[in-house]
């Protein structure tokens, strides 16, 4: 069973994150080992800090206007192994150990399971 491990972050690194007008930044979640992109969700300053402090992914739901910790209801939890911000500071990358079926609420491993131009069944 995976273990949550906090990620150290310097204040100057956190200050380099650029949030949009709504106070949010996109966070791409990638699976450790496979490199597969699992999902994208939004974070605000508090959910970023919670993620780093707890070692679990926390996001801000724009539709529900509340925090959510990935896997608390589904059991498909994410354990953060590395955290990065891009050169502009306006996108985050979280490398996680994925527990359970996967990251997508549909039951798929990745939210990116559909492709443009794919034949329909």
PDB file of N, CA and C in Angstrom:
ATOM      1  N   UNK A   1       0.844  -1.185   0.000  1.00  0.00           N
ATOM      2  CA  UNK A   1       0.000   0.000   0.000  1.00  0.00           C
ATOM      3  C   UNK A   1       0.886   1.243   0.000  1.00  0.00           C
ATOM      4  N   UNK A   2       0.606   2.186  -0.899  1.00  0.00           N
ATOM      5  CA  UNK A   2       1.399   3.420  -0.957  1.00  0.00           C
ATOM      6  C   UNK A   2       1.289   4.240   0.331  1.00  0.00           C
ATOM      7  N   UNK A   3       2.319   5.007   0.575  1.00  0.00           N
ATOM      8  CA  UNK A   3       2.382   5.853   1.764  1.00  0.00           C
ATOM      9  C   UNK A   3       2.490   7.307   1.326  1.00  0.00           C
ATOM     10  N   UNK A   4       1.732   8.177   1.977  1.00  0.00           N
ATOM     11  CA  UNK A   4       1.801   9.610   1.689  1.00  0.00           C
ATOM     12  C   UNK A   4       3.084  10.177   2.271  1.00  0.00           C
ATOM     13  N   UNK A   5       3.807  10.912   1.449  1.00  0.00           N
ATOM     14  CA  UNK A   5       5.057  11.531   1.860  1.00  0.00           C
ATOM     15  C   UNK A   5       5.019  13.015   1.515  1.00  0.00           C
ATOM     16  N   UNK A   6       5.105  13.890   2.510  1.00  0.00           N
ATOM     17  CA  UNK A   6       5.102  15.325   2.211  1.00  0.00           C
ATOM     18  C   UNK A   6       6.244  15.715   1.280  1.00  0.00           C
ATOM     19  N   UNK A   7       6.022  16.761   0.504  1.00  0.00           N
ATOM     20  CA  UNK A   7       7.010  17.308  -0.418  1.00  0.00           C
ATOM     21  C   UNK A   7       7.461  18.652   0.135  1.00  0.00           C
ATOM     22  N   UNK A   8       8.749  18.823   0.301  1.00  0.00           N
ATOM     23  CA  UNK A   8       9.273  20.106   0.782  1.00  0.00           C
ATOM     24  C   UNK A   8       9.180  21.153  -0.324  1.00  0.00           C
ATOM     25  N   UNK A   9       8.777  22.339   0.053  1.00  0.00           N
ATOM     26  CA  UNK A   9       8.716  23.443  -0.902  1.00  0.00           C
ATOM     27  C   UNK A   9       9.240  24.702  -0.228  1.00  0.00           C
ATOM     28  N   UNK A  10      10.116  25.390  -0.939  1.00  0.00           N
ATOM     29  CA  UNK A  10      10.631  26.652  -0.424  1.00  0.00           C
ATOM     30  C   UNK A  10       9.611  27.757  -0.698  1.00  0.00           C
ATOM     31  N   UNK A  11       9.582  28.752   0.164  1.00  0.00           N
ATOM     32  CA  UNK A  11       8.661  29.876  -0.020  1.00  0.00           C
ATOM     33  C   UNK A  11       8.869  30.549  -1.368  1.00  0.00           C
ATOM     34  N   UNK A  12      10.137  30.649  -1.808  1.00  0.00           N
ATOM     35  CA  UNK A  12      10.407  31.304  -3.092  1.00  0.00           C
ATOM     36  C   UNK A  12       9.861  30.489  -4.266  1.00  0.00           C
ATOM     37  N   UNK A  13       9.836  29.160  -4.137  1.00  0.00           N
ATOM     38  CA  UNK A  13       9.227  28.340  -5.183  1.00  0.00           C
ATOM     39  C   UNK A  13       7.723  28.557  -5.229  1.00  0.00           C
ATOM     40  N   UNK A  14       7.087  28.557  -4.070  1.00  0.00           N
ATOM     41  CA  UNK A  14       5.645  28.801  -4.023  1.00  0.00           C
ATOM     42  C   UNK A  14       5.301  30.182  -4.569  1.00  0.00           C
ATOM     43  N   UNK A  15       6.158  31.154  -4.313  1.00  0.00           N
ATOM     44  CA  UNK A  15       5.927  32.515  -4.807  1.00  0.00           C
ATOM     45  C   UNK A  15       6.057  32.598  -6.327  1.00  0.00           C
ATOM     46  N   UNK A  16       6.736  31.637  -6.943  1.00  0.00           N
ATOM     47  CA  UNK A  16       6.894  31.624  -8.395  1.00  0.00           C
ATOM     48  C   UNK A  16       5.684  31.068  -9.137  1.00  0.00           C
ATOM     49  N   UNK A  17       4.729  30.505  -8.409  1.00  0.00           N
ATOM     50  CA  UNK A  17       3.526  29.982  -9.056  1.00  0.00           C
ATOM     51  C   UNK A  17       2.605  31.149  -9.378  1.00  0.00           C
ATOM     52  N   UNK A  18       2.193  31.206 -10.632  1.00  0.00           N
ATOM     53  CA  UNK A  18       1.341  32.292 -11.124  1.00  0.00           C
ATOM     54  C   UNK A  18      -0.094  31.791 -11.272  1.00  0.00           C
ATOM     55  N   UNK A  19      -0.970  32.278 -10.434  1.00  0.00           N
ATOM     56  CA  UNK A  19      -2.377  31.886 -10.468  1.00  0.00           C
ATOM     57  C   UNK A  19      -3.144  32.812 -11.409  1.00  0.00           C
ATOM     58  N   UNK A  20      -4.188  32.292 -12.052  1.00  0.00           N
ATOM     59  CA  UNK A  20      -4.982  33.109 -12.973  1.00  0.00           C
ATOM     60  C   UNK A  20      -5.883  34.071 -12.200  1.00  0.00           C
ATOM     61  N   UNK A  21      -6.728  34.799 -12.913  1.00  0.00           N
ATOM     62  CA  UNK A  21      -7.588  35.811 -12.297  1.00  0.00           C
ATOM     63  C   UNK A  21      -8.537  35.219 -11.253  1.00  0.00           C
ATOM     64  N   UNK A  22      -8.854  33.927 -11.394  1.00  0.00           N
ATOM     65  CA  UNK A  22      -9.731  33.247 -10.427  1.00  0.00           C
ATOM     66  C   UNK A  22      -8.941  32.647  -9.270  1.00  0.00           C
ATOM     67  N   UNK A  23      -7.623  32.850  -9.276  1.00  0.00           N
ATOM     68  CA  UNK A  23      -6.776  32.321  -8.212  1.00  0.00           C
ATOM     69  C   UNK A  23      -6.443  30.851  -8.392  1.00  0.00           C
ATOM     70  N   UNK A  24      -6.498  30.370  -9.645  1.00  0.00           N
ATOM     71  CA  UNK A  24      -6.275  28.954  -9.930  1.00  0.00           C
ATOM     72  C   UNK A  24      -5.106  28.742 -10.868  1.00  0.00           C
ATOM     73  N   UNK A  25      -4.558  27.540 -10.815  1.00  0.00           N
ATOM     74  CA  UNK A  25      -3.476  27.131 -11.704  1.00  0.00           C
ATOM     75  C   UNK A  25      -3.782  25.688 -12.128  1.00  0.00           C
ATOM     76  N   UNK A  26      -3.586  25.357 -13.420  1.00  0.00           N
ATOM     77  CA  UNK A  26      -3.815  23.970 -13.838  1.00  0.00           C
ATOM     78  C   UNK A  26      -2.714  23.057 -13.313  1.00  0.00           C
ATOM     79  N   UNK A  27      -3.125  21.869 -12.885  1.00  0.00           N
ATOM     80  CA  UNK A  27      -2.186  20.864 -12.382  1.00  0.00           C
ATOM     81  C   UNK A  27      -2.351  19.592 -13.213  1.00  0.00           C
ATOM     82  N   UNK A  28      -1.296  19.225 -13.908  1.00  0.00           N
ATOM     83  CA  UNK A  28      -1.282  17.994 -14.686  1.00  0.00           C
ATOM     84  C   UNK A  28      -0.767  16.892 -13.776  1.00  0.00           C
ATOM     85  N   UNK A  29      -1.463  15.758 -13.792  1.00  0.00           N
ATOM     86  CA  UNK A  29      -1.081  14.636 -12.949  1.00  0.00           C
ATOM     87  C   UNK A  29      -0.569  13.511 -13.843  1.00  0.00           C
ATOM     88  N   UNK A  30       0.661  13.095 -13.581  1.00  0.00           N
ATOM     89  CA  UNK A  30       1.344  12.074 -14.388  1.00  0.00           C
ATOM     90  C   UNK A  30       1.694  10.885 -13.504  1.00  0.00           C
ATOM     91  N   UNK A  31       1.539   9.687 -14.053  1.00  0.00           N
ATOM     92  CA  UNK A  31       1.831   8.485 -13.285  1.00  0.00           C
ATOM     93  C   UNK A  31       3.328   8.203 -13.243  1.00  0.00           C
ATOM     94  N   UNK A  32       3.819   7.975 -12.046  1.00  0.00           N
ATOM     95  CA  UNK A  32       5.219   7.611 -11.860  1.00  0.00           C
ATOM     96  C   UNK A  32       5.467   6.266 -12.539  1.00  0.00           C
ATOM     97  N   UNK A  33       6.606   6.128 -13.168  1.00  0.00           N
ATOM     98  CA  UNK A  33       6.954   4.860 -13.794  1.00  0.00           C
ATOM     99  C   UNK A  33       6.528   4.772 -15.242  1.00  0.00           C
ATOM    100  N   UNK A  34       5.236   4.968 -15.524  1.00  0.00           N
ATOM    101  CA  UNK A  34       4.751   4.861 -16.906  1.00  0.00           C
ATOM    102  C   UNK A  34       4.843   6.182 -17.648  1.00  0.00           C
ATOM    103  N   UNK A  35       4.783   7.299 -16.922  1.00  0.00           N
ATOM    104  CA  UNK A  35       4.781   8.612 -17.559  1.00  0.00           C
ATOM    105  C   UNK A  35       3.437   8.988 -18.156  1.00  0.00           C
ATOM    106  N   UNK A  36       2.422   8.134 -18.004  1.00  0.00           N
ATOM    107  CA  UNK A  36       1.104   8.421 -18.566  1.00  0.00           C
ATOM    108  C   UNK A  36       0.473   9.623 -17.868  1.00  0.00           C
ATOM    109  N   UNK A  37      -0.087  10.535 -18.674  1.00  0.00           N
ATOM    110  CA  UNK A  37      -0.824  11.659 -18.111  1.00  0.00           C
ATOM    111  C   UNK A  37      -2.186  11.122 -17.675  1.00  0.00           C
ATOM    112  N   UNK A  38      -2.478  11.269 -16.395  1.00  0.00           N
ATOM    113  CA  UNK A  38      -3.700  10.715 -15.837  1.00  0.00           C
ATOM    114  C   UNK A  38      -4.856  11.696 -15.848  1.00  0.00           C
ATOM    115  N   UNK A  39      -4.576  12.948 -15.552  1.00  0.00           N
ATOM    116  CA  UNK A  39      -5.660  13.921 -15.437  1.00  0.00           C
ATOM    117  C   UNK A  39      -5.110  15.332 -15.360  1.00  0.00           C
ATOM    118  N   UNK A  40      -6.017  16.301 -15.433  1.00  0.00           N
ATOM    119  CA  UNK A  40      -5.714  17.701 -15.182  1.00  0.00           C
ATOM    120  C   UNK A  40      -6.824  18.220 -14.284  1.00  0.00           C
ATOM    121  N   UNK A  41      -6.445  18.950 -13.268  1.00  0.00           N
ATOM    122  CA  UNK A  41      -7.421  19.559 -12.376  1.00  0.00           C
ATOM    123  C   UNK A  41      -6.872  20.911 -11.935  1.00  0.00           C
ATOM    124  N   UNK A  42      -7.700  21.681 -11.266  1.00  0.00           N
ATOM    125  CA  UNK A  42      -7.325  23.026 -10.840  1.00  0.00           C
ATOM    126  C   UNK A  42      -6.914  23.047  -9.382  1.00  0.00           C
ATOM    127  N   UNK A  43      -5.922  23.874  -9.094  1.00  0.00           N
ATOM    128  CA  UNK A  43      -5.476  24.092  -7.717  1.00  0.00           C
ATOM    129  C   UNK A  43      -5.470  25.583  -7.422  1.00  0.00           C
ATOM    130  N   UNK A  44      -5.755  25.911  -6.182  1.00  0.00           N
ATOM    131  CA  UNK A  44      -5.505  27.271  -5.717  1.00  0.00           C
ATOM    132  C   UNK A  44      -4.334  27.187  -4.738  1.00  0.00           C
ATOM    133  N   UNK A  45      -3.995  28.280  -4.147  1.00  0.00           N
ATOM    134  CA  UNK A  45      -2.848  28.309  -3.253  1.00  0.00           C
ATOM    135  C   UNK A  45      -2.993  27.322  -2.099  1.00  0.00           C
ATOM    136  N   UNK A  46      -4.186  27.268  -1.513  1.00  0.00           N
ATOM    137  CA  UNK A  46      -4.401  26.367  -0.379  1.00  0.00           C
ATOM    138  C   UNK A  46      -4.339  24.897  -0.779  1.00  0.00           C
ATOM    139  N   UNK A  47      -4.927  24.538  -1.930  1.00  0.00           N
ATOM    140  CA  UNK A  47      -4.886  23.129  -2.325  1.00  0.00           C
ATOM    141  C   UNK A  47      -3.469  22.713  -2.719  1.00  0.00           C
ATOM    142  N   UNK A  48      -2.689  23.637  -3.271  1.00  0.00           N
ATOM    143  CA  UNK A  48      -1.289  23.336  -3.557  1.00  0.00           C
ATOM    144  C   UNK A  48      -0.533  23.070  -2.259  1.00  0.00           C
ATOM    145  N   UNK A  49      -0.721  23.926  -1.281  1.00  0.00           N
ATOM    146  CA  UNK A  49      -0.047  23.732   0.015  1.00  0.00           C
ATOM    147  C   UNK A  49      -0.484  22.425   0.687  1.00  0.00           C
ATOM    148  N   UNK A  50      -1.786  22.129   0.638  1.00  0.00           N
ATOM    149  CA  UNK A  50      -2.289  20.881   1.223  1.00  0.00           C
ATOM    150  C   UNK A  50      -1.652  19.673   0.546  1.00  0.00           C
ATOM    151  N   UNK A  51      -1.546  19.747  -0.779  1.00  0.00           N
ATOM    152  CA  UNK A  51      -0.943  18.652  -1.544  1.00  0.00           C
ATOM    153  C   UNK A  51       0.493  18.432  -1.101  1.00  0.00           C
ATOM    154  N   UNK A  52       1.260  19.495  -1.020  1.00  0.00           N
ATOM    155  CA  UNK A  52       2.672  19.376  -0.641  1.00  0.00           C
ATOM    156  C   UNK A  52       2.828  18.922   0.810  1.00  0.00           C
ATOM    157  N   UNK A  53       1.983  19.433   1.689  1.00  0.00           N
ATOM    158  CA  UNK A  53       2.081  19.096   3.109  1.00  0.00           C
ATOM    159  C   UNK A  53       1.638  17.666   3.423  1.00  0.00           C
ATOM    160  N   UNK A  54       0.649  17.165   2.690  1.00  0.00           N
ATOM    161  CA  UNK A  54       0.095  15.845   2.996  1.00  0.00           C
ATOM    162  C   UNK A  54       0.644  14.731   2.109  1.00  0.00           C
ATOM    163  N   UNK A  55       1.183  15.084   0.932  1.00  0.00           N
ATOM    164  CA  UNK A  55       1.646  14.065   0.004  1.00  0.00           C
ATOM    165  C   UNK A  55       0.526  13.395  -0.772  1.00  0.00           C
ATOM    166  N   UNK A  56      -0.675  13.921  -0.674  1.00  0.00           N
ATOM    167  CA  UNK A  56      -1.845  13.462  -1.425  1.00  0.00           C
ATOM    168  C   UNK A  56      -2.323  14.609  -2.307  1.00  0.00           C
ATOM    169  N   UNK A  57      -2.979  14.297  -3.425  1.00  0.00           N
ATOM    170  CA  UNK A  57      -3.443  15.364  -4.311  1.00  0.00           C
ATOM    171  C   UNK A  57      -4.748  15.977  -3.805  1.00  0.00           C
ATOM    172  N   UNK A  58      -4.713  17.303  -3.673  1.00  0.00           N
ATOM    173  CA  UNK A  58      -5.870  18.116  -3.292  1.00  0.00           C
ATOM    174  C   UNK A  58      -6.123  19.111  -4.419  1.00  0.00           C
ATOM    175  N   UNK A  59      -7.375  19.278  -4.785  1.00  0.00           N
ATOM    176  CA  UNK A  59      -7.739  20.183  -5.879  1.00  0.00           C
ATOM    177  C   UNK A  59      -8.874  21.097  -5.449  1.00  0.00           C
ATOM    178  N   UNK A  60      -9.147  22.100  -6.292  1.00  0.00           N
ATOM    179  CA  UNK A  60     -10.272  22.999  -6.091  1.00  0.00           C
ATOM    180  C   UNK A  60     -11.301  22.704  -7.167  1.00  0.00           C
ATOM    181  N   UNK A  61     -12.507  22.369  -6.764  1.00  0.00           N
ATOM    182  CA  UNK A  61     -13.590  22.115  -7.702  1.00  0.00           C
ATOM    183  C   UNK A  61     -14.254  23.429  -8.075  1.00  0.00           C
ATOM    184  N   UNK A  62     -14.156  23.796  -9.345  1.00  0.00           N
ATOM    185  CA  UNK A  62     -14.787  25.036  -9.800  1.00  0.00           C
ATOM    186  C   UNK A  62     -16.303  24.919  -9.785  1.00  0.00           C
ATOM    187  N   UNK A  63     -16.844  23.746 -10.080  1.00  0.00           N
ATOM    188  CA  UNK A  63     -18.301  23.584 -10.123  1.00  0.00           C
ATOM    189  C   UNK A  63     -18.910  23.516  -8.720  1.00  0.00           C
ATOM    190  N   UNK A  64     -18.241  22.830  -7.803  1.00  0.00           N
ATOM    191  CA  UNK A  64     -18.772  22.683  -6.449  1.00  0.00           C
ATOM    192  C   UNK A  64     -18.263  23.757  -5.490  1.00  0.00           C
ATOM    193  N   UNK A  65     -17.225  24.492  -5.921  1.00  0.00           N
ATOM    194  CA  UNK A  65     -16.627  25.526  -5.086  1.00  0.00           C
ATOM    195  C   UNK A  65     -16.172  24.956  -3.740  1.00  0.00           C
ATOM    196  N   UNK A  66     -15.419  23.844  -3.828  1.00  0.00           N
ATOM    197  CA  UNK A  66     -14.913  23.215  -2.610  1.00  0.00           C
ATOM    198  C   UNK A  66     -13.647  22.430  -2.920  1.00  0.00           C
ATOM    199  N   UNK A  67     -12.885  22.126  -1.856  1.00  0.00           N
ATOM    200  CA  UNK A  67     -11.682  21.317  -1.984  1.00  0.00           C
ATOM    201  C   UNK A  67     -12.077  19.853  -2.106  1.00  0.00           C
ATOM    202  N   UNK A  68     -11.254  19.095  -2.811  1.00  0.00           N
ATOM    203  CA  UNK A  68     -11.444  17.651  -2.844  1.00  0.00           C
ATOM    204  C   UNK A  68     -10.089  16.963  -2.908  1.00  0.00           C
ATOM    205  N   UNK A  69      -9.999  15.888  -2.162  1.00  0.00           N
ATOM    206  CA  UNK A  69      -8.793  15.071  -2.118  1.00  0.00           C
ATOM    207  C   UNK A  69      -9.057  13.862  -2.997  1.00  0.00           C
ATOM    208  N   UNK A  70      -8.252  13.682  -4.031  1.00  0.00           N
ATOM    209  CA  UNK A  70      -8.466  12.612  -4.997  1.00  0.00           C
ATOM    210  C   UNK A  70      -8.498  11.256  -4.308  1.00  0.00           C
ATOM    211  N   UNK A  71      -9.593  10.536  -4.517  1.00  0.00           N
ATOM    212  CA  UNK A  71      -9.728   9.186  -4.013  1.00  0.00           C
ATOM    213  C   UNK A  71     -10.451   9.031  -2.688  1.00  0.00           C
ATOM    214  N   UNK A  72     -10.849  10.127  -2.071  1.00  0.00           N
ATOM    215  CA  UNK A  72     -11.518  10.012  -0.776  1.00  0.00           C
ATOM    216  C   UNK A  72     -12.850   9.273  -0.890  1.00  0.00           C
ATOM    217  N   UNK A  73     -13.557   9.425  -1.989  1.00  0.00           N
ATOM    218  CA  UNK A  73     -14.816   8.692  -2.158  1.00  0.00           C
ATOM    219  C   UNK A  73     -14.648   7.453  -3.021  1.00  0.00           C
ATOM    220  N   UNK A  74     -13.774   7.489  -4.012  1.00  0.00           N
ATOM    221  CA  UNK A  74     -13.609   6.361  -4.936  1.00  0.00           C
ATOM    222  C   UNK A  74     -12.597   5.324  -4.461  1.00  0.00           C
ATOM    223  N   UNK A  75     -11.666   5.730  -3.610  1.00  0.00           N
ATOM    224  CA  UNK A  75     -10.586   4.846  -3.206  1.00  0.00           C
ATOM    225  C   UNK A  75      -9.414   4.856  -4.177  1.00  0.00           C
ATOM    226  N   UNK A  76      -9.557   5.583  -5.284  1.00  0.00           N
ATOM    227  CA  UNK A  76      -8.506   5.669  -6.304  1.00  0.00           C
ATOM    228  C   UNK A  76      -7.593   6.840  -5.965  1.00  0.00           C
ATOM    229  N   UNK A  77      -6.802   6.671  -4.927  1.00  0.00           N
ATOM    230  CA  UNK A  77      -6.001   7.752  -4.360  1.00  0.00           C
ATOM    231  C   UNK A  77      -4.701   7.977  -5.122  1.00  0.00           C
ATOM    232  N   UNK A  78      -4.182   9.192  -4.967  1.00  0.00           N
ATOM    233  CA  UNK A  78      -2.910   9.567  -5.584  1.00  0.00           C
ATOM    234  C   UNK A  78      -1.935  10.009  -4.499  1.00  0.00           C
ATOM    235  N   UNK A  79      -0.722   9.454  -4.594  1.00  0.00           N
ATOM    236  CA  UNK A  79       0.341   9.767  -3.646  1.00  0.00           C
ATOM    237  C   UNK A  79       1.436  10.500  -4.414  1.00  0.00           C
ATOM    238  N   UNK A  80       1.672  11.743  -4.047  1.00  0.00           N
ATOM    239  CA  UNK A  80       2.607  12.599  -4.778  1.00  0.00           C
ATOM    240  C   UNK A  80       4.040  12.164  -4.501  1.00  0.00           C
ATOM    241  N   UNK A  81       4.784  11.965  -5.565  1.00  0.00           N
ATOM    242  CA  UNK A  81       6.185  11.576  -5.450  1.00  0.00           C
ATOM    243  C   UNK A  81       7.122  12.712  -5.840  1.00  0.00           C
ATOM    244  N   UNK A  82       6.678  13.564  -6.776  1.00  0.00           N
ATOM    245  CA  UNK A  82       7.445  14.739  -7.181  1.00  0.00           C
ATOM    246  C   UNK A  82       6.458  15.828  -7.591  1.00  0.00           C
ATOM    247  N   UNK A  83       6.877  17.078  -7.438  1.00  0.00           N
ATOM    248  CA  UNK A  83       6.042  18.210  -7.827  1.00  0.00           C
ATOM    249  C   UNK A  83       6.912  19.261  -8.514  1.00  0.00           C
ATOM    250  N   UNK A  84       6.431  19.769  -9.638  1.00  0.00           N
ATOM    251  CA  UNK A  84       7.172  20.738 -10.447  1.00  0.00           C
ATOM    252  C   UNK A  84       6.262  21.892 -10.845  1.00  0.00           C
ATOM    253  N   UNK A  85       6.863  23.025 -11.169  1.00  0.00           N
ATOM    254  CA  UNK A  85       6.141  24.113 -11.830  1.00  0.00           C
ATOM    255  C   UNK A  85       6.917  24.463 -13.084  1.00  0.00           C
ATOM    256  N   UNK A  86       6.213  24.926 -14.123  1.00  0.00           N
ATOM    257  CA  UNK A  86       6.877  25.162 -15.410  1.00  0.00           C
ATOM    258  C   UNK A  86       7.629  26.486 -15.422  1.00  0.00           C
ATOM    259  N   UNK A  87       8.282  26.762 -16.552  1.00  0.00           N
ATOM    260  CA  UNK A  87       9.161  27.928 -16.686  1.00  0.00           C
ATOM    261  C   UNK A  87       8.432  29.253 -16.459  1.00  0.00           C
ATOM    262  N   UNK A  88       7.143  29.309 -16.772  1.00  0.00           N
ATOM    263  CA  UNK A  88       6.357  30.528 -16.557  1.00  0.00           C
ATOM    264  C   UNK A  88       5.660  30.533 -15.201  1.00  0.00           C
ATOM    265  N   UNK A  89       5.703  29.413 -14.520  1.00  0.00           N
ATOM    266  CA  UNK A  89       5.053  29.304 -13.219  1.00  0.00           C
ATOM    267  C   UNK A  89       3.545  29.190 -13.298  1.00  0.00           C
ATOM    268  N   UNK A  90       3.008  28.963 -14.520  1.00  0.00           N
ATOM    269  CA  UNK A  90       1.553  28.955 -14.665  1.00  0.00           C
ATOM    270  C   UNK A  90       0.947  27.572 -14.908  1.00  0.00           C
ATOM    271  N   UNK A  91       1.743  26.530 -14.728  1.00  0.00           N
ATOM    272  CA  UNK A  91       1.244  25.155 -14.818  1.00  0.00           C
ATOM    273  C   UNK A  91       2.059  24.284 -13.866  1.00  0.00           C
ATOM    274  N   UNK A  92       1.359  23.391 -13.177  1.00  0.00           N
ATOM    275  CA  UNK A  92       2.009  22.466 -12.257  1.00  0.00           C
ATOM    276  C   UNK A  92       2.029  21.069 -12.854  1.00  0.00           C
ATOM    277  N   UNK A  93       3.014  20.286 -12.462  1.00  0.00           N
ATOM    278  CA  UNK A  93       3.111  18.886 -12.840  1.00  0.00           C
ATOM    279  C   UNK A  93       3.328  18.081 -11.569  1.00  0.00           C
ATOM    280  N   UNK A  94       2.407  17.167 -11.308  1.00  0.00           N
ATOM    281  CA  UNK A  94       2.505  16.299 -10.144  1.00  0.00           C
ATOM    282  C   UNK A  94       2.734  14.872 -10.612  1.00  0.00           C
ATOM    283  N   UNK A  95       3.807  14.274 -10.167  1.00  0.00           N
ATOM    284  CA  UNK A  95       4.109  12.886 -10.486  1.00  0.00           C
ATOM    285  C   UNK A  95       3.627  12.065  -9.301  1.00  0.00           C
ATOM    286  N   UNK A  96       2.727  11.109  -9.575  1.00  0.00           N
ATOM    287  CA  UNK A  96       2.061  10.395  -8.492  1.00  0.00           C
ATOM    288  C   UNK A  96       2.171   8.887  -8.638  1.00  0.00           C
ATOM    289  N   UNK A  97       2.001   8.231  -7.507  1.00  0.00           N
ATOM    290  CA  UNK A  97       1.762   6.804  -7.486  1.00  0.00           C
ATOM    291  C   UNK A  97       0.250   6.658  -7.394  1.00  0.00           C
ATOM    292  N   UNK A  98      -0.355   6.087  -8.428  1.00  0.00           N
ATOM    293  CA  UNK A  98      -1.807   5.962  -8.499  1.00  0.00           C
ATOM    294  C   UNK A  98      -2.243   4.653  -7.859  1.00  0.00           C
ATOM    295  N   UNK A  99      -3.193   4.736  -6.949  1.00  0.00           N
ATOM    296  CA  UNK A  99      -3.755   3.559  -6.302  1.00  0.00           C
ATOM    297  C   UNK A  99      -5.150   3.311  -6.858  1.00  0.00           C
ATOM    298  N   UNK A 100      -5.545   2.077  -6.972  1.00  0.00           N
ATOM    299  CA  UNK A 100      -6.893   1.747  -7.422  1.00  0.00           C
ATOM    300  C   UNK A 100      -6.985   1.614  -8.931  1.00  0.00           C
ATOM    301  N   UNK A 101      -8.208   1.746  -9.444  1.00  0.00           N
ATOM    302  CA  UNK A 101      -8.469   1.547 -10.869  1.00  0.00           C
ATOM    303  C   UNK A 101      -7.810   2.602 -11.729  1.00  0.00           C
ATOM    304  N   UNK A 102      -7.800   3.833 -11.263  1.00  0.00           N
ATOM    305  CA  UNK A 102      -7.216   4.903 -12.054  1.00  0.00           C
ATOM    306  C   UNK A 102      -7.691   6.259 -11.610  1.00  0.00           C
ATOM    307  N   UNK A 103      -7.409   7.255 -12.446  1.00  0.00           N
ATOM    308  CA  UNK A 103      -7.674   8.639 -12.081  1.00  0.00           C
ATOM    309  C   UNK A 103      -9.027   9.155 -12.548  1.00  0.00           C
ATOM    310  N   UNK A 104      -9.590   8.552 -13.581  1.00  0.00           N
ATOM    311  CA  UNK A 104     -10.804   9.103 -14.183  1.00  0.00           C
ATOM    312  C   UNK A 104     -12.068   8.649 -13.450  1.00  0.00           C
ATOM    313  N   UNK A 105     -12.996   9.584 -13.288  1.00  0.00           N
ATOM    314  CA  UNK A 105     -14.254   9.257 -12.614  1.00  0.00           C
ATOM    315  C   UNK A 105     -15.108   8.277 -13.423  1.00  0.00           C
ATOM    316  N   UNK A 106     -14.756   8.055 -14.703  1.00  0.00           N
ATOM    317  CA  UNK A 106     -15.501   7.110 -15.539  1.00  0.00           C
ATOM    318  C   UNK A 106     -15.058   5.669 -15.311  1.00  0.00           C
ATOM    319  N   UNK A 107     -13.958   5.493 -14.583  1.00  0.00           N
ATOM    320  CA  UNK A 107     -13.413   4.167 -14.362  1.00  0.00           C
ATOM    321  C   UNK A 107     -12.192   3.871 -15.224  1.00  0.00           C
ATOM    322  N   UNK A 108     -11.876   4.767 -16.147  1.00  0.00           N
ATOM    323  CA  UNK A 108     -10.680   4.607 -16.976  1.00  0.00           C
ATOM    324  C   UNK A 108      -9.443   4.948 -16.152  1.00  0.00           C
ATOM    325  N   UNK A 109      -8.316   4.401 -16.548  1.00  0.00           N
ATOM    326  CA  UNK A 109      -7.053   4.681 -15.845  1.00  0.00           C
ATOM    327  C   UNK A 109      -6.682   6.155 -15.963  1.00  0.00           C
ATOM    328  N   UNK A 110      -6.828   6.713 -17.181  1.00  0.00           N
ATOM    329  CA  UNK A 110      -6.513   8.111 -17.457  1.00  0.00           C
ATOM    330  C   UNK A 110      -7.766   8.819 -17.949  1.00  0.00           C
ATOM    331  N   UNK A 111      -7.857  10.101 -17.652  1.00  0.00           N
ATOM    332  CA  UNK A 111      -8.957  10.902 -18.201  1.00  0.00           C
ATOM    333  C   UNK A 111      -8.791  11.104 -19.711  1.00  0.00           C
ATOM    334  N   UNK A 112      -7.580  10.874 -20.213  1.00  0.00           N
ATOM    335  CA  UNK A 112      -7.279  11.089 -21.628  1.00  0.00           C
ATOM    336  C   UNK A 112      -7.331   9.769 -22.388  1.00  0.00           C
ATOM    337  N   UNK A 113      -8.497   9.141 -22.394  1.00  0.00           N
ATOM    338  CA  UNK A 113      -8.654   7.852 -23.065  1.00  0.00           C
ATOM    339  C   UNK A 113      -9.331   7.978 -24.426  1.00  0.00           C
ATOM    340  N   UNK A 114      -9.778   9.171 -24.792  1.00  0.00           N
ATOM    341  CA  UNK A 114     -10.427   9.380 -26.089  1.00  0.00           C
ATOM    342  C   UNK A 114      -9.509  10.155 -27.011  1.00  0.00           C
ATOM    343  N   UNK A 115      -9.502   9.784 -28.284  1.00  0.00           N
ATOM    344  CA  UNK A 115      -8.667  10.495 -29.242  1.00  0.00           C
ATOM    345  C   UNK A 115      -9.515  11.065 -30.363  1.00  0.00           C
ATOM    346  N   UNK A 116      -9.066  12.140 -30.943  1.00  0.00           N
ATOM    347  CA  UNK A 116      -9.746  12.727 -32.096  1.00  0.00           C
ATOM    348  C   UNK A 116      -9.575  11.806 -33.294  1.00  0.00           C
ATOM    349  N   UNK A 117     -10.632  11.630 -34.055  1.00  0.00           N
ATOM    350  CA  UNK A 117     -10.553  10.842 -35.273  1.00  0.00           C
ATOM    351  C   UNK A 117     -10.562   9.356 -35.053  1.00  0.00           C
ATOM    352  N   UNK A 118     -10.745   8.901 -33.827  1.00  0.00           N
ATOM    353  CA  UNK A 118     -10.776   7.464 -33.565  1.00  0.00           C
ATOM    354  C   UNK A 118     -12.091   6.885 -34.066  1.00  0.00           C
ATOM    355  N   UNK A 119     -12.032   5.702 -34.589  1.00  0.00           N
ATOM    356  CA  UNK A 119     -13.230   5.015 -35.066  1.00  0.00           C
ATOM    357  C   UNK A 119     -14.128   4.711 -33.881  1.00  0.00           C
ATOM    358  N   UNK A 120     -15.418   4.869 -34.062  1.00  0.00           N
ATOM    359  CA  UNK A 120     -16.364   4.558 -32.997  1.00  0.00           C
ATOM    360  C   UNK A 120     -16.789   3.114 -33.116  1.00  0.00           C
ATOM    361  N   UNK A 121     -17.114   2.533 -32.006  1.00  0.00           N
ATOM    362  CA  UNK A 121     -17.514   1.117 -31.993  1.00  0.00           C
ATOM    363  C   UNK A 121     -19.002   0.982 -32.126  1.00  0.00           C
TER     364      UNK A 121
END
